[in-house]
Amino acid sequence: MNFDEYCQQKATPPGSSTYYALRQAPAASQPLLTALFALRRELEETVKEISDPAIGRTKLAWWQNEIAALASGSPSHPVSKALAAYLPDVQAEYPALQALLAGFEMDLDQARYLDYPNLRRYVQSVGGTFASLVARAAVKVKDPAQTSGWSAPIGEALQLAQFVVETGNDARHGRIYIPVDEMQRFNVTAADLINRKYSDAFTELMRFETKRARDALHAARAAIPANERRSQRTLAAQAALALALLDEIERDGYHVLHQRIALTPIRKLWIAWRAR
């Protein structure tokens, strides 16, 4: 298996939202975008699908060394080999790749956030940094300052939407991304989430979280420069898919504690295509 095949299998399983979002990108940018999404998936699996934090830290440390090896021109992993092949300037993106890894490392340091400003540090590192990498990859821009102003908010909004979608699954794995003060405001406890307890209070809390994510997605989509909307089809498709999924969750009554609500592949294809 070559590194392109590895990245495709890791990042874009058929039927996934990422699969349909990436298909909207110009053909020339798809290999690099796929490699970036594969890297994100590798880091996400390291911190969220490994129960032993010590093992997670060991694997993240390995990735830290691998990203340094990528920057020095000697990568060994299929994903970093793909990035070496397609990134126009690895050195320019090295700080962003480090920031992305540092964001995921936060998952090993804390599982709760006291308030939204504290949570936003995580959202900016994991969501905003990644979306900026994607935006630059779509047009092969080397200067991080050229896209971060409008692209980072899209990633942050997508991350907020993911929190809503994964509320139950995250709680079962010991992580709650709803700020403590907001849960207290709506009289919902961590035990309620872990034990899948639905209530009017939980519905109101999720309505609040969903509205924040939806408002952020609308604002971020509107901020994409008109002259870049064609090249940024992947981010636009991701935002459209996230909005549609939030609507579906709302129609289902926010029953996200015991299941992962998802769109059908046909709907994903249609929504991603329309987002172009």
Protein backbone atom coordinates (compact mmCIF):
# COMPACT_ATOMS: atom_id res chain seq x y z
CA MET A 1 0.00 0.00 0.00
CA ASN A 2 1.49 3.39 -0.96
CA PHE A 3 1.06 6.51 1.16
CA ASP A 4 -1.80 7.88 -0.96
CA GLU A 5 -3.82 4.70 -0.47
CA TYR A 6 -3.07 4.71 3.25
CA CYS A 7 -4.25 8.31 3.62
CA GLN A 8 -7.43 7.65 1.67
CA GLN A 9 -8.31 4.66 3.84
CA LYS A 10 -7.53 6.54 7.04
CA ALA A 11 -9.20 9.85 6.24
CA THR A 12 -12.00 9.18 3.77
CA PRO A 13 -13.86 5.90 4.24
CA PRO A 14 -16.65 5.74 1.61
CA GLY A 15 -19.88 7.26 2.88
CA SER A 16 -18.22 9.53 5.44
CA SER A 17 -18.77 13.29 5.46
CA THR A 18 -15.06 13.83 4.84
CA TYR A 19 -15.26 11.61 1.78
CA TYR A 20 -17.93 13.79 0.17
CA ALA A 21 -16.36 17.08 1.29
CA LEU A 22 -12.99 16.16 -0.19
CA ARG A 23 -14.56 15.14 -3.49
CA GLN A 24 -15.61 18.77 -3.98
CA ALA A 25 -12.02 20.03 -3.90
CA PRO A 26 -10.09 20.68 -7.12
CA ALA A 27 -8.35 17.47 -8.18
CA ALA A 28 -4.89 18.99 -7.85
CA SER A 29 -5.36 19.74 -4.15
CA GLN A 30 -7.06 16.49 -3.13
CA PRO A 31 -3.90 14.45 -2.31
CA LEU A 32 -2.59 17.09 0.10
CA LEU A 33 -6.01 17.64 1.68
CA THR A 34 -6.44 13.90 2.13
CA ALA A 35 -3.05 13.69 3.85
CA LEU A 36 -4.02 16.48 6.25
CA PHE A 37 -7.31 14.81 7.14
CA ALA A 38 -5.44 11.54 7.63
CA LEU A 39 -3.04 13.26 10.04
CA ARG A 40 -5.94 14.70 12.00
CA ARG A 41 -7.51 11.26 12.22
CA GLU A 42 -4.23 9.73 13.43
CA LEU A 43 -3.95 12.31 16.22
CA GLU A 44 -7.62 12.01 17.13
CA GLU A 45 -7.38 8.23 17.42
CA THR A 46 -4.27 8.58 19.57
CA VAL A 47 -6.00 10.62 22.26
CA LYS A 48 -9.64 9.50 22.01
CA GLU A 49 -9.49 5.80 21.25
CA ILE A 50 -6.73 4.79 23.67
CA SER A 51 -7.91 4.26 27.24
CA ASP A 52 -4.48 4.47 28.88
CA PRO A 53 -3.27 8.12 29.01
CA ALA A 54 0.35 6.96 29.34
CA ILE A 55 0.12 5.14 26.04
CA GLY A 56 -1.55 8.18 24.49
CA ARG A 57 1.29 10.41 25.64
CA THR A 58 3.87 7.98 24.29
CA LYS A 59 2.16 7.93 20.89
CA LEU A 60 1.79 11.72 20.81
CA ALA A 61 5.48 12.04 21.66
CA TRP A 62 6.20 9.75 18.72
CA TRP A 63 4.12 12.02 16.48
CA GLN A 64 5.97 15.06 17.80
CA ASN A 65 9.22 13.44 16.69
CA GLU A 66 7.69 12.41 13.38
CA ILE A 67 6.52 15.96 12.62
CA ALA A 68 10.04 17.16 13.40
CA ALA A 69 11.35 14.47 11.04
CA LEU A 70 8.92 15.70 8.40
CA ALA A 71 10.28 19.23 8.79
CA SER A 72 13.86 17.95 8.48
CA GLY A 73 13.07 15.91 5.38
CA SER A 74 13.18 12.38 6.81
CA PRO A 75 9.60 11.23 7.59
CA SER A 76 8.83 7.55 8.14
CA HIS A 77 5.02 7.32 8.51
CA PRO A 78 2.82 7.06 5.38
CA VAL A 79 0.90 10.21 6.37
CA SER A 80 4.00 12.32 6.91
CA LYS A 81 5.50 10.94 3.71
CA ALA A 82 2.39 12.15 1.88
CA LEU A 83 2.70 15.57 3.50
CA ALA A 84 6.36 15.72 2.49
CA ALA A 85 5.37 14.95 -1.09
CA TYR A 86 2.58 17.50 -1.38
CA LEU A 87 3.14 20.37 1.06
CA PRO A 88 4.61 23.30 -0.89
CA ASP A 89 6.64 24.46 2.14
CA VAL A 90 6.91 22.05 5.06
CA GLN A 91 8.96 24.50 7.13
CA ALA A 92 6.29 27.19 6.83
CA GLU A 93 3.61 24.81 8.11
CA TYR A 94 5.72 23.27 10.86
CA PRO A 95 4.41 25.65 13.60
CA ALA A 96 0.81 24.94 12.59
CA LEU A 97 1.38 21.19 12.67
CA GLN A 98 2.92 21.54 16.13
CA ALA A 99 -0.05 23.64 17.27
CA LEU A 100 -2.47 21.00 16.01
CA LEU A 101 -0.66 18.27 17.92
CA ALA A 102 -0.56 20.46 21.05
CA GLY A 103 -4.31 20.93 20.78
CA PHE A 104 -4.95 17.19 20.80
CA GLU A 105 -2.51 16.85 23.69
CA MET A 106 -4.95 18.91 25.75
CA ASP A 107 -7.28 15.89 25.67
CA LEU A 108 -4.75 14.03 27.79
CA ASP A 109 -4.47 16.89 30.29
CA GLN A 110 -8.12 17.64 30.96
CA ALA A 111 -11.55 16.23 30.31
CA ARG A 112 -13.68 19.16 31.52
CA TYR A 113 -13.64 22.93 30.92
CA LEU A 114 -14.87 25.46 33.45
CA ASP A 115 -16.20 27.97 30.94
CA TYR A 116 -16.33 28.75 27.24
CA PRO A 117 -13.16 30.91 27.13
CA ASN A 118 -11.20 27.92 28.45
CA LEU A 119 -12.87 25.55 26.01
CA ARG A 120 -12.15 27.92 23.15
CA ARG A 121 -8.40 27.43 23.60
CA TYR A 122 -8.95 23.79 22.66
CA VAL A 123 -11.35 24.70 19.86
CA GLN A 124 -8.88 27.15 18.35
CA SER A 125 -5.98 24.68 18.47
CA VAL A 126 -7.78 21.62 17.16
CA GLY A 127 -10.44 23.22 14.96
CA GLY A 128 -9.11 26.60 13.89
CA THR A 129 -5.55 25.50 13.24
CA PHE A 130 -6.68 22.55 11.16
CA ALA A 131 -9.10 24.57 9.02
CA SER A 132 -6.35 27.08 8.29
CA LEU A 133 -4.08 24.24 7.17
CA VAL A 134 -6.86 22.98 4.89
CA ALA A 135 -7.54 26.45 3.48
CA ARG A 136 -3.87 26.97 2.61
CA ALA A 137 -3.58 23.49 1.15
CA ALA A 138 -6.55 24.10 -1.13
CA VAL A 139 -4.72 26.94 -2.87
CA LYS A 140 -1.12 25.95 -1.97
CA VAL A 141 -0.50 29.20 -0.12
CA LYS A 142 2.73 29.33 1.88
CA ASP A 143 2.01 32.33 4.11
CA PRO A 144 -0.19 31.33 7.09
CA ALA A 145 -1.35 34.93 7.52
CA GLN A 146 -3.13 34.89 4.15
CA THR A 147 -5.96 32.60 5.24
CA SER A 148 -6.07 32.43 9.04
CA GLY A 149 -8.34 35.46 9.40
CA TRP A 150 -11.35 33.80 7.79
CA SER A 151 -10.49 30.08 7.83
CA ALA A 152 -9.85 29.54 11.54
CA PRO A 153 -13.46 30.49 12.49
CA ILE A 154 -14.78 27.80 10.14
CA GLY A 155 -12.71 25.18 11.93
CA GLU A 156 -13.82 26.44 15.32
CA ALA A 157 -17.47 26.31 14.24
CA LEU A 158 -17.05 22.79 12.86
CA GLN A 159 -15.52 21.74 16.18
CA LEU A 160 -18.48 23.18 18.10
CA ALA A 161 -20.85 21.25 15.85
CA GLN A 162 -18.85 18.07 16.43
CA PHE A 163 -19.23 18.53 20.19
CA VAL A 164 -23.01 18.45 19.77
CA VAL A 165 -22.92 15.38 17.54
CA GLU A 166 -20.53 13.46 19.82
CA THR A 167 -21.97 14.51 23.18
CA GLY A 168 -22.92 11.00 24.26
CA ASN A 169 -19.91 9.23 22.82
CA ASP A 170 -17.49 11.74 24.35
CA ALA A 171 -19.15 11.42 27.77
CA ARG A 172 -18.87 7.62 27.64
CA HIS A 173 -15.14 8.06 27.03
CA GLY A 174 -14.76 10.41 29.98
CA ARG A 175 -14.72 13.72 28.11
CA ILE A 176 -17.31 16.48 28.32
CA TYR A 177 -16.84 19.48 26.07
CA ILE A 178 -19.81 21.41 27.43
CA PRO A 179 -18.43 24.00 29.86
CA VAL A 180 -19.15 23.35 33.54
CA ASP A 181 -20.76 26.74 34.09
CA GLU A 182 -23.18 26.18 31.21
CA MET A 183 -24.18 22.77 32.54
CA GLN A 184 -24.77 24.33 35.94
CA ARG A 185 -26.86 27.08 34.36
CA PHE A 186 -29.17 24.50 32.80
CA ASN A 187 -29.07 22.16 35.82
CA VAL A 188 -27.51 19.23 33.94
CA THR A 189 -24.80 17.09 35.55
CA ALA A 190 -21.96 15.04 34.13
CA ALA A 191 -23.69 11.94 35.53
CA ASP A 192 -26.77 12.81 33.43
CA LEU A 193 -24.67 12.68 30.27
CA ILE A 194 -22.79 9.54 31.21
CA ASN A 195 -25.99 7.73 32.24
CA ARG A 196 -27.86 8.93 29.13
CA LYS A 197 -30.49 10.79 31.13
CA TYR A 198 -32.78 12.86 28.93
CA SER A 199 -34.78 15.70 30.42
CA ASP A 200 -36.26 19.08 29.60
CA ALA A 201 -33.14 20.64 31.13
CA PHE A 202 -30.90 18.59 28.84
CA THR A 203 -32.99 19.59 25.81
CA GLU A 204 -32.60 23.27 26.67
CA LEU A 205 -28.86 22.85 27.18
CA MET A 206 -28.47 21.16 23.81
CA ARG A 207 -30.62 23.79 22.13
CA PHE A 208 -28.21 26.41 23.49
CA GLU A 209 -25.11 24.49 22.36
CA THR A 210 -26.61 23.81 18.93
CA LYS A 211 -27.52 27.46 18.40
CA ARG A 212 -23.98 28.57 19.20
CA ALA A 213 -22.53 26.07 16.73
CA ARG A 214 -25.09 26.94 14.04
CA ASP A 215 -24.58 30.69 14.42
CA ALA A 216 -20.81 30.22 14.23
CA LEU A 217 -21.12 28.10 11.07
CA HIS A 218 -23.34 30.66 9.32
CA ALA A 219 -21.00 33.51 10.22
CA ALA A 220 -17.91 31.57 9.13
CA ARG A 221 -19.42 30.54 5.79
CA ALA A 222 -20.40 34.12 5.04
CA ALA A 223 -16.82 35.26 5.74
CA ILE A 224 -15.21 33.12 3.02
CA PRO A 225 -13.87 35.64 0.47
CA ALA A 226 -15.89 35.58 -2.75
CA ASN A 227 -12.78 35.07 -4.85
CA GLU A 228 -11.83 31.96 -2.83
CA ARG A 229 -15.15 30.15 -2.64
CA ARG A 230 -14.38 27.99 -5.65
CA SER A 231 -11.07 26.77 -4.24
CA GLN A 232 -12.46 26.32 -0.71
CA ARG A 233 -15.18 23.86 -1.62
CA THR A 234 -14.06 21.34 0.98
CA LEU A 235 -14.52 23.70 3.92
CA ALA A 236 -17.79 24.99 2.44
CA ALA A 237 -19.06 21.42 2.07
CA GLN A 238 -18.04 20.55 5.62
CA ALA A 239 -19.94 23.55 6.94
CA ALA A 240 -23.04 22.69 4.91
CA LEU A 241 -22.94 19.08 6.10
CA ALA A 242 -22.51 20.17 9.72
CA LEU A 243 -25.49 22.54 9.47
CA ALA A 244 -27.66 19.82 7.97
CA LEU A 245 -26.65 17.41 10.71
CA LEU A 246 -27.44 19.94 13.44
CA ASP A 247 -30.88 20.38 11.89
CA GLU A 248 -31.36 16.59 11.92
CA ILE A 249 -30.31 16.39 15.57
CA GLU A 250 -32.75 19.17 16.43
CA ARG A 251 -35.60 17.39 14.62
CA ASP A 252 -34.77 14.21 16.53
CA GLY A 253 -35.11 16.03 19.85
CA TYR A 254 -31.38 16.11 20.66
CA HIS A 255 -31.27 12.37 21.39
CA VAL A 256 -27.49 12.26 21.13
CA LEU A 257 -26.68 10.50 24.40
CA HIS A 258 -27.43 6.94 23.33
CA GLN A 259 -26.74 7.17 19.59
CA ARG A 260 -24.76 8.97 16.94
CA ILE A 261 -27.20 10.65 14.59
CA ALA A 262 -25.95 10.76 11.01
CA LEU A 263 -27.02 11.77 7.52
CA THR A 264 -27.44 9.13 4.83
CA PRO A 265 -24.69 8.92 2.18
CA ILE A 266 -27.12 10.13 -0.51
CA ARG A 267 -27.98 13.21 1.54
CA LYS A 268 -24.31 13.88 2.17
CA LEU A 269 -23.55 13.67 -1.52
CA TRP A 270 -26.37 16.09 -2.38
CA ILE A 271 -25.53 18.58 0.36
CA ALA A 272 -21.82 18.59 -0.45
CA TRP A 273 -22.53 19.04 -4.14
CA ARG A 274 -24.93 21.93 -3.51
CA ALA A 275 -22.36 23.63 -1.29
CA ARG A 276 -20.19 24.15 -4.36
